[in-house]
Amino acid sequence: MAKRILVPIDGSTQSDDALEHALAEFGDHDLTVLHVIDPVDTGYSGPVGIPGGSEEWYENAKKESEELFEDAQAVADEYGVTLDTATEPGRPARTIVEYADDEGFDQIVMGSHGRSGVSRILLGSVAETVVRRATMPVTVVR
């Protein structure tokens, strides 16, 4: 039976490397790429996790997700793999873990970090948090 592999992507070099690794190592399994739309990126988080009064922001973020998915599929095409895609709003680490649990994934393959500089120090490492909280194996690609 094929494993279900979740690959969170954010457009960073690290997530690109994770996708390449997942395709090379798990290309014969079911691969899903997940993009988390983080409301913190706007500087404001409303009670439901979407910036208040900013439908335009959310629509733009969804378009960016679609562009990431198109780029990811172009890479997957080189391996002869068709990717499933998902977009979820929320804080990245929590959303990745919850989505993986809720959807019954067998493994997560992700980049070491997508943020840099001060934001990485202040917000902590998403990969580190996912490793600590996930109930399934997590492969972190550097």
N, C-alpha and C. Protein backbone atom coordinates (compact mmCIF):
# COMPACT_ATOMS: atom_id res chain seq x y z
N MET A 1 0.84 -1.18 0.00
CA MET A 1 0.00 0.00 0.00
C MET A 1 0.89 1.24 0.00
N ALA A 2 0.50 2.22 -0.78
CA ALA A 2 1.28 3.45 -0.89
C ALA A 2 1.15 4.29 0.38
N LYS A 3 2.25 4.86 0.76
CA LYS A 3 2.25 5.79 1.89
C LYS A 3 1.71 7.13 1.42
N ARG A 4 1.17 7.89 2.35
CA ARG A 4 0.72 9.25 2.07
C ARG A 4 1.76 10.19 2.67
N ILE A 5 2.38 10.99 1.80
CA ILE A 5 3.47 11.88 2.21
C ILE A 5 3.01 13.32 2.06
N LEU A 6 3.19 14.13 3.11
CA LEU A 6 2.85 15.54 3.09
C LEU A 6 4.12 16.37 2.96
N VAL A 7 4.12 17.30 2.00
CA VAL A 7 5.27 18.18 1.79
C VAL A 7 4.79 19.62 1.89
N PRO A 8 5.00 20.27 3.04
CA PRO A 8 4.65 21.69 3.15
C PRO A 8 5.59 22.53 2.28
N ILE A 9 5.02 23.48 1.54
CA ILE A 9 5.84 24.35 0.70
C ILE A 9 5.52 25.81 0.98
N ASP A 10 6.56 26.65 0.84
CA ASP A 10 6.36 28.08 1.07
C ASP A 10 7.12 28.94 0.06
N GLY A 11 7.68 28.31 -0.95
CA GLY A 11 8.42 29.05 -1.96
C GLY A 11 9.88 29.27 -1.63
N SER A 12 10.32 28.82 -0.46
CA SER A 12 11.72 28.99 -0.08
C SER A 12 12.58 27.92 -0.74
N THR A 13 13.87 28.17 -0.79
CA THR A 13 14.81 27.19 -1.31
C THR A 13 14.72 25.89 -0.52
N GLN A 14 14.55 26.01 0.79
CA GLN A 14 14.47 24.82 1.64
C GLN A 14 13.25 23.96 1.30
N SER A 15 12.10 24.60 1.04
CA SER A 15 10.93 23.79 0.71
C SER A 15 11.07 23.20 -0.69
N ASP A 16 11.75 23.92 -1.59
CA ASP A 16 12.03 23.36 -2.92
C ASP A 16 12.90 22.10 -2.79
N ASP A 17 13.91 22.18 -1.92
CA ASP A 17 14.78 21.02 -1.69
C ASP A 17 14.01 19.86 -1.09
N ALA A 18 13.09 20.15 -0.18
CA ALA A 18 12.27 19.11 0.43
C ALA A 18 11.39 18.43 -0.62
N LEU A 19 10.82 19.22 -1.51
CA LEU A 19 9.99 18.65 -2.56
C LEU A 19 10.82 17.74 -3.46
N GLU A 20 12.00 18.20 -3.85
CA GLU A 20 12.89 17.37 -4.69
C GLU A 20 13.22 16.06 -3.97
N HIS A 21 13.52 16.13 -2.68
CA HIS A 21 13.84 14.94 -1.90
C HIS A 21 12.63 13.99 -1.87
N ALA A 22 11.46 14.54 -1.60
CA ALA A 22 10.26 13.71 -1.52
C ALA A 22 9.98 13.03 -2.87
N LEU A 23 10.17 13.76 -3.95
CA LEU A 23 9.94 13.18 -5.27
C LEU A 23 10.94 12.07 -5.57
N ALA A 24 12.19 12.29 -5.19
CA ALA A 24 13.23 11.30 -5.45
C ALA A 24 13.06 10.05 -4.58
N GLU A 25 12.71 10.25 -3.32
CA GLU A 25 12.62 9.13 -2.37
C GLU A 25 11.24 8.48 -2.30
N PHE A 26 10.19 9.26 -2.53
CA PHE A 26 8.82 8.76 -2.32
C PHE A 26 7.93 8.97 -3.54
N GLY A 27 8.52 9.10 -4.71
CA GLY A 27 7.75 9.39 -5.91
C GLY A 27 6.71 8.35 -6.27
N ASP A 28 6.86 7.13 -5.75
CA ASP A 28 5.89 6.07 -6.02
C ASP A 28 4.77 6.03 -4.98
N HIS A 29 4.76 6.99 -4.07
CA HIS A 29 3.71 7.09 -3.05
C HIS A 29 2.81 8.29 -3.37
N ASP A 30 1.77 8.47 -2.58
CA ASP A 30 0.87 9.61 -2.77
C ASP A 30 1.48 10.84 -2.12
N LEU A 31 1.79 11.85 -2.93
CA LEU A 31 2.41 13.09 -2.44
C LEU A 31 1.41 14.23 -2.48
N THR A 32 1.32 14.93 -1.37
CA THR A 32 0.47 16.13 -1.29
C THR A 32 1.35 17.30 -0.86
N VAL A 33 1.25 18.40 -1.60
CA VAL A 33 1.93 19.62 -1.19
C VAL A 33 0.91 20.51 -0.50
N LEU A 34 1.33 21.07 0.62
CA LEU A 34 0.47 21.93 1.44
C LEU A 34 1.10 23.30 1.55
N HIS A 35 0.31 24.32 1.27
CA HIS A 35 0.76 25.69 1.52
C HIS A 35 -0.12 26.29 2.59
N VAL A 36 0.51 26.79 3.65
CA VAL A 36 -0.21 27.41 4.75
C VAL A 36 -0.19 28.93 4.55
N ILE A 37 -1.37 29.51 4.52
CA ILE A 37 -1.49 30.96 4.43
C ILE A 37 -1.47 31.50 5.85
N ASP A 38 -0.40 32.18 6.18
CA ASP A 38 -0.17 32.66 7.55
C ASP A 38 -0.67 34.09 7.71
N PRO A 39 -1.74 34.32 8.51
CA PRO A 39 -2.25 35.67 8.69
C PRO A 39 -1.28 36.58 9.43
N VAL A 40 -0.29 36.02 10.11
CA VAL A 40 0.70 36.83 10.80
C VAL A 40 1.52 37.64 9.80
N ASP A 41 1.63 37.13 8.56
CA ASP A 41 2.37 37.86 7.54
C ASP A 41 1.78 39.23 7.27
N THR A 42 0.51 39.45 7.60
CA THR A 42 -0.11 40.76 7.39
C THR A 42 0.11 41.67 8.59
N GLY A 43 0.58 41.11 9.70
CA GLY A 43 0.75 41.90 10.90
C GLY A 43 -0.48 41.93 11.79
N TYR A 44 -1.54 41.23 11.38
CA TYR A 44 -2.76 41.20 12.16
C TYR A 44 -3.41 39.85 12.02
N SER A 45 -3.89 39.30 13.11
CA SER A 45 -4.61 38.04 13.06
C SER A 45 -5.95 38.22 13.74
N GLY A 46 -7.02 38.07 12.99
CA GLY A 46 -8.37 38.18 13.53
C GLY A 46 -8.74 36.93 14.28
N PRO A 47 -9.93 36.90 14.87
CA PRO A 47 -10.33 35.77 15.69
C PRO A 47 -10.45 34.45 14.94
N VAL A 48 -10.70 34.48 13.65
CA VAL A 48 -10.79 33.23 12.90
C VAL A 48 -9.52 32.96 12.11
N GLY A 49 -8.48 33.77 12.34
CA GLY A 49 -7.21 33.51 11.69
C GLY A 49 -7.02 34.22 10.37
N ILE A 50 -8.03 34.94 9.90
CA ILE A 50 -7.91 35.68 8.65
C ILE A 50 -7.99 37.16 8.99
N PRO A 51 -7.10 37.97 8.44
CA PRO A 51 -7.12 39.39 8.75
C PRO A 51 -8.49 40.00 8.50
N GLY A 52 -8.99 40.72 9.47
CA GLY A 52 -10.30 41.34 9.37
C GLY A 52 -10.38 42.33 8.22
N GLY A 53 -11.48 42.24 7.46
CA GLY A 53 -11.72 43.19 6.39
C GLY A 53 -10.74 43.10 5.24
N SER A 54 -10.07 41.98 5.08
CA SER A 54 -9.05 41.92 4.05
C SER A 54 -9.25 40.71 3.13
N GLU A 55 -10.43 40.64 2.51
CA GLU A 55 -10.70 39.56 1.58
C GLU A 55 -9.72 39.62 0.41
N GLU A 56 -9.33 40.83 0.03
CA GLU A 56 -8.38 40.99 -1.07
C GLU A 56 -7.03 40.36 -0.72
N TRP A 57 -6.59 40.57 0.53
CA TRP A 57 -5.34 39.95 0.97
C TRP A 57 -5.43 38.43 0.85
N TYR A 58 -6.55 37.87 1.31
CA TYR A 58 -6.71 36.42 1.30
C TYR A 58 -6.77 35.89 -0.13
N GLU A 59 -7.46 36.57 -1.00
CA GLU A 59 -7.54 36.15 -2.41
C GLU A 59 -6.16 36.18 -3.05
N ASN A 60 -5.37 37.23 -2.75
CA ASN A 60 -4.00 37.29 -3.28
C ASN A 60 -3.15 36.15 -2.74
N ALA A 61 -3.32 35.84 -1.46
CA ALA A 61 -2.57 34.73 -0.86
C ALA A 61 -2.95 33.41 -1.51
N LYS A 62 -4.22 33.22 -1.82
CA LYS A 62 -4.65 31.99 -2.49
C LYS A 62 -4.07 31.90 -3.90
N LYS A 63 -3.97 33.04 -4.59
CA LYS A 63 -3.35 33.05 -5.92
C LYS A 63 -1.87 32.68 -5.82
N GLU A 64 -1.19 33.19 -4.79
CA GLU A 64 0.21 32.82 -4.57
C GLU A 64 0.34 31.32 -4.33
N SER A 65 -0.61 30.75 -3.59
CA SER A 65 -0.61 29.30 -3.36
C SER A 65 -0.70 28.56 -4.68
N GLU A 66 -1.61 28.99 -5.54
CA GLU A 66 -1.78 28.33 -6.84
C GLU A 66 -0.50 28.41 -7.67
N GLU A 67 0.20 29.55 -7.60
CA GLU A 67 1.46 29.68 -8.32
C GLU A 67 2.52 28.73 -7.76
N LEU A 68 2.55 28.60 -6.43
CA LEU A 68 3.47 27.64 -5.81
C LEU A 68 3.16 26.22 -6.26
N PHE A 69 1.88 25.89 -6.33
CA PHE A 69 1.47 24.55 -6.76
C PHE A 69 1.85 24.30 -8.21
N GLU A 70 1.69 25.31 -9.07
CA GLU A 70 2.07 25.16 -10.47
C GLU A 70 3.58 24.90 -10.59
N ASP A 71 4.36 25.66 -9.83
CA ASP A 71 5.81 25.47 -9.84
C ASP A 71 6.18 24.08 -9.32
N ALA A 72 5.51 23.65 -8.25
CA ALA A 72 5.79 22.33 -7.67
C ALA A 72 5.42 21.23 -8.67
N GLN A 73 4.30 21.39 -9.35
CA GLN A 73 3.90 20.37 -10.32
C GLN A 73 4.86 20.31 -11.49
N ALA A 74 5.41 21.46 -11.89
CA ALA A 74 6.40 21.47 -12.96
C ALA A 74 7.62 20.64 -12.58
N VAL A 75 8.04 20.74 -11.32
CA VAL A 75 9.16 19.92 -10.83
C VAL A 75 8.74 18.45 -10.79
N ALA A 76 7.53 18.18 -10.30
CA ALA A 76 7.04 16.80 -10.20
C ALA A 76 6.91 16.15 -11.57
N ASP A 77 6.57 16.94 -12.58
CA ASP A 77 6.45 16.41 -13.93
C ASP A 77 7.75 15.77 -14.40
N GLU A 78 8.88 16.32 -13.95
CA GLU A 78 10.18 15.75 -14.32
C GLU A 78 10.36 14.34 -13.75
N TYR A 79 9.62 14.02 -12.69
CA TYR A 79 9.68 12.71 -12.06
C TYR A 79 8.49 11.83 -12.48
N GLY A 80 7.61 12.37 -13.30
CA GLY A 80 6.42 11.63 -13.72
C GLY A 80 5.41 11.45 -12.61
N VAL A 81 5.34 12.44 -11.70
CA VAL A 81 4.48 12.35 -10.52
C VAL A 81 3.41 13.45 -10.59
N THR A 82 2.19 13.09 -10.25
CA THR A 82 1.12 14.08 -10.13
C THR A 82 0.91 14.35 -8.65
N LEU A 83 0.97 15.62 -8.27
CA LEU A 83 0.82 16.02 -6.88
C LEU A 83 -0.62 16.35 -6.55
N ASP A 84 -1.03 16.03 -5.32
CA ASP A 84 -2.26 16.57 -4.76
C ASP A 84 -1.87 17.88 -4.08
N THR A 85 -2.81 18.80 -3.96
CA THR A 85 -2.51 20.10 -3.36
C THR A 85 -3.55 20.46 -2.31
N ALA A 86 -3.11 21.26 -1.35
CA ALA A 86 -4.02 21.76 -0.32
C ALA A 86 -3.51 23.11 0.17
N THR A 87 -4.44 24.00 0.44
CA THR A 87 -4.14 25.30 1.03
C THR A 87 -4.94 25.42 2.31
N GLU A 88 -4.28 25.81 3.38
CA GLU A 88 -4.95 25.99 4.68
C GLU A 88 -4.50 27.29 5.31
N PRO A 89 -5.41 28.04 5.92
CA PRO A 89 -5.01 29.24 6.67
C PRO A 89 -4.59 28.86 8.08
N GLY A 90 -3.66 29.61 8.66
CA GLY A 90 -3.29 29.38 10.05
C GLY A 90 -1.80 29.57 10.27
N ARG A 91 -1.41 29.32 11.51
CA ARG A 91 0.02 29.36 11.86
C ARG A 91 0.67 28.11 11.28
N PRO A 92 1.79 28.25 10.59
CA PRO A 92 2.34 27.12 9.83
C PRO A 92 2.56 25.84 10.63
N ALA A 93 3.30 25.87 11.71
CA ALA A 93 3.62 24.63 12.42
C ALA A 93 2.36 23.92 12.90
N ARG A 94 1.49 24.65 13.55
CA ARG A 94 0.26 24.05 14.07
C ARG A 94 -0.60 23.50 12.94
N THR A 95 -0.72 24.26 11.86
CA THR A 95 -1.57 23.85 10.75
C THR A 95 -1.01 22.62 10.05
N ILE A 96 0.30 22.56 9.88
CA ILE A 96 0.93 21.39 9.25
C ILE A 96 0.66 20.14 10.07
N VAL A 97 0.88 20.21 11.38
CA VAL A 97 0.67 19.04 12.25
C VAL A 97 -0.79 18.63 12.27
N GLU A 98 -1.69 19.59 12.43
CA GLU A 98 -3.12 19.26 12.48
C GLU A 98 -3.60 18.67 11.15
N TYR A 99 -3.17 19.26 10.05
CA TYR A 99 -3.57 18.77 8.74
C TYR A 99 -3.06 17.35 8.52
N ALA A 100 -1.80 17.10 8.86
CA ALA A 100 -1.23 15.77 8.70
C ALA A 100 -2.00 14.74 9.53
N ASP A 101 -2.34 15.10 10.77
CA ASP A 101 -3.11 14.19 11.62
C ASP A 101 -4.52 13.97 11.08
N ASP A 102 -5.20 15.07 10.79
CA ASP A 102 -6.59 14.99 10.35
C ASP A 102 -6.75 14.21 9.05
N GLU A 103 -5.78 14.32 8.15
CA GLU A 103 -5.89 13.69 6.84
C GLU A 103 -5.19 12.34 6.76
N GLY A 104 -4.60 11.89 7.85
CA GLY A 104 -4.02 10.55 7.92
C GLY A 104 -2.74 10.34 7.12
N PHE A 105 -1.86 11.33 7.13
CA PHE A 105 -0.59 11.17 6.43
C PHE A 105 0.33 10.25 7.22
N ASP A 106 1.21 9.56 6.48
CA ASP A 106 2.16 8.64 7.09
C ASP A 106 3.49 9.29 7.42
N GLN A 107 3.81 10.38 6.71
CA GLN A 107 5.10 11.05 6.90
C GLN A 107 5.00 12.48 6.40
N ILE A 108 5.83 13.34 6.99
CA ILE A 108 5.98 14.73 6.56
C ILE A 108 7.42 14.89 6.08
N VAL A 109 7.60 15.53 4.93
CA VAL A 109 8.94 15.87 4.42
C VAL A 109 8.94 17.37 4.24
N MET A 110 9.84 18.06 4.96
CA MET A 110 9.84 19.52 4.89
C MET A 110 11.24 20.10 4.95
N GLY A 111 11.34 21.34 4.51
CA GLY A 111 12.62 22.04 4.55
C GLY A 111 12.98 22.44 5.96
N SER A 112 14.26 22.73 6.15
CA SER A 112 14.75 23.05 7.50
C SER A 112 14.16 24.35 8.03
N HIS A 113 13.95 25.31 7.17
CA HIS A 113 13.27 26.54 7.58
C HIS A 113 12.99 27.37 6.34
N GLY A 114 11.90 28.15 6.43
CA GLY A 114 11.56 29.02 5.32
C GLY A 114 11.77 30.47 5.65
N ARG A 115 11.96 30.76 6.92
CA ARG A 115 12.17 32.14 7.35
C ARG A 115 13.65 32.37 7.59
N SER A 116 14.02 33.63 7.65
CA SER A 116 15.42 33.93 7.91
C SER A 116 15.52 35.13 8.83
N GLY A 117 16.72 35.35 9.35
CA GLY A 117 16.99 36.54 10.14
C GLY A 117 16.18 36.62 11.42
N VAL A 118 15.76 37.84 11.74
CA VAL A 118 15.07 38.12 13.00
C VAL A 118 13.75 37.36 13.10
N SER A 119 13.00 37.25 11.99
CA SER A 119 11.71 36.57 12.08
C SER A 119 11.88 35.11 12.48
N ARG A 120 12.97 34.45 12.06
CA ARG A 120 13.21 33.06 12.44
C ARG A 120 13.48 32.96 13.93
N ILE A 121 14.24 33.91 14.46
CA ILE A 121 14.55 33.89 15.89
C ILE A 121 13.30 34.17 16.71
N LEU A 122 12.53 35.17 16.32
CA LEU A 122 11.34 35.55 17.07
C LEU A 122 10.23 34.51 16.98
N LEU A 123 10.03 33.95 15.80
CA LEU A 123 8.93 33.03 15.59
C LEU A 123 9.31 31.59 15.84
N GLY A 124 10.60 31.30 15.93
CA GLY A 124 11.04 29.93 16.13
C GLY A 124 11.03 29.17 14.82
N SER A 125 11.55 28.01 14.84
CA SER A 125 11.64 27.19 13.64
C SER A 125 10.37 26.37 13.47
N VAL A 126 9.72 26.55 12.34
CA VAL A 126 8.52 25.77 12.03
C VAL A 126 8.88 24.29 12.00
N ALA A 127 9.98 23.96 11.35
CA ALA A 127 10.38 22.56 11.26
C ALA A 127 10.61 21.95 12.65
N GLU A 128 11.26 22.70 13.51
CA GLU A 128 11.51 22.19 14.87
C GLU A 128 10.21 21.90 15.59
N THR A 129 9.26 22.80 15.49
CA THR A 129 7.97 22.62 16.15
C THR A 129 7.22 21.43 15.56
N VAL A 130 7.25 21.29 14.24
CA VAL A 130 6.59 20.15 13.61
C VAL A 130 7.22 18.84 14.07
N VAL A 131 8.54 18.79 14.13
CA VAL A 131 9.22 17.58 14.59
C VAL A 131 8.78 17.22 16.01
N ARG A 132 8.68 18.23 16.87
CA ARG A 132 8.31 17.96 18.26
C ARG A 132 6.85 17.52 18.41
N ARG A 133 5.96 18.04 17.57
CA ARG A 133 4.53 17.81 17.78
C ARG A 133 3.90 16.76 16.88
N ALA A 134 4.55 16.41 15.79
CA ALA A 134 3.95 15.46 14.85
C ALA A 134 3.87 14.06 15.44
N THR A 135 2.82 13.35 15.06
CA THR A 135 2.63 11.98 15.53
C THR A 135 3.15 10.96 14.52
N MET A 136 3.67 11.45 13.40
CA MET A 136 4.22 10.57 12.38
C MET A 136 5.66 10.99 12.12
N PRO A 137 6.44 10.17 11.41
CA PRO A 137 7.83 10.55 11.12
C PRO A 137 7.90 11.85 10.31
N VAL A 138 8.93 12.64 10.61
CA VAL A 138 9.18 13.88 9.89
C VAL A 138 10.61 13.84 9.37
N THR A 139 10.77 14.05 8.07
CA THR A 139 12.09 14.16 7.47
C THR A 139 12.33 15.63 7.21
N VAL A 140 13.42 16.15 7.79
CA VAL A 140 13.77 17.55 7.59
C VAL A 140 14.96 17.61 6.63
N VAL A 141 14.75 18.30 5.51
CA VAL A 141 15.76 18.40 4.47
C VAL A 141 16.48 19.72 4.62
N ARG A 142 17.83 19.66 4.63
CA ARG A 142 18.65 20.87 4.76
C ARG A 142 19.21 21.27 3.44
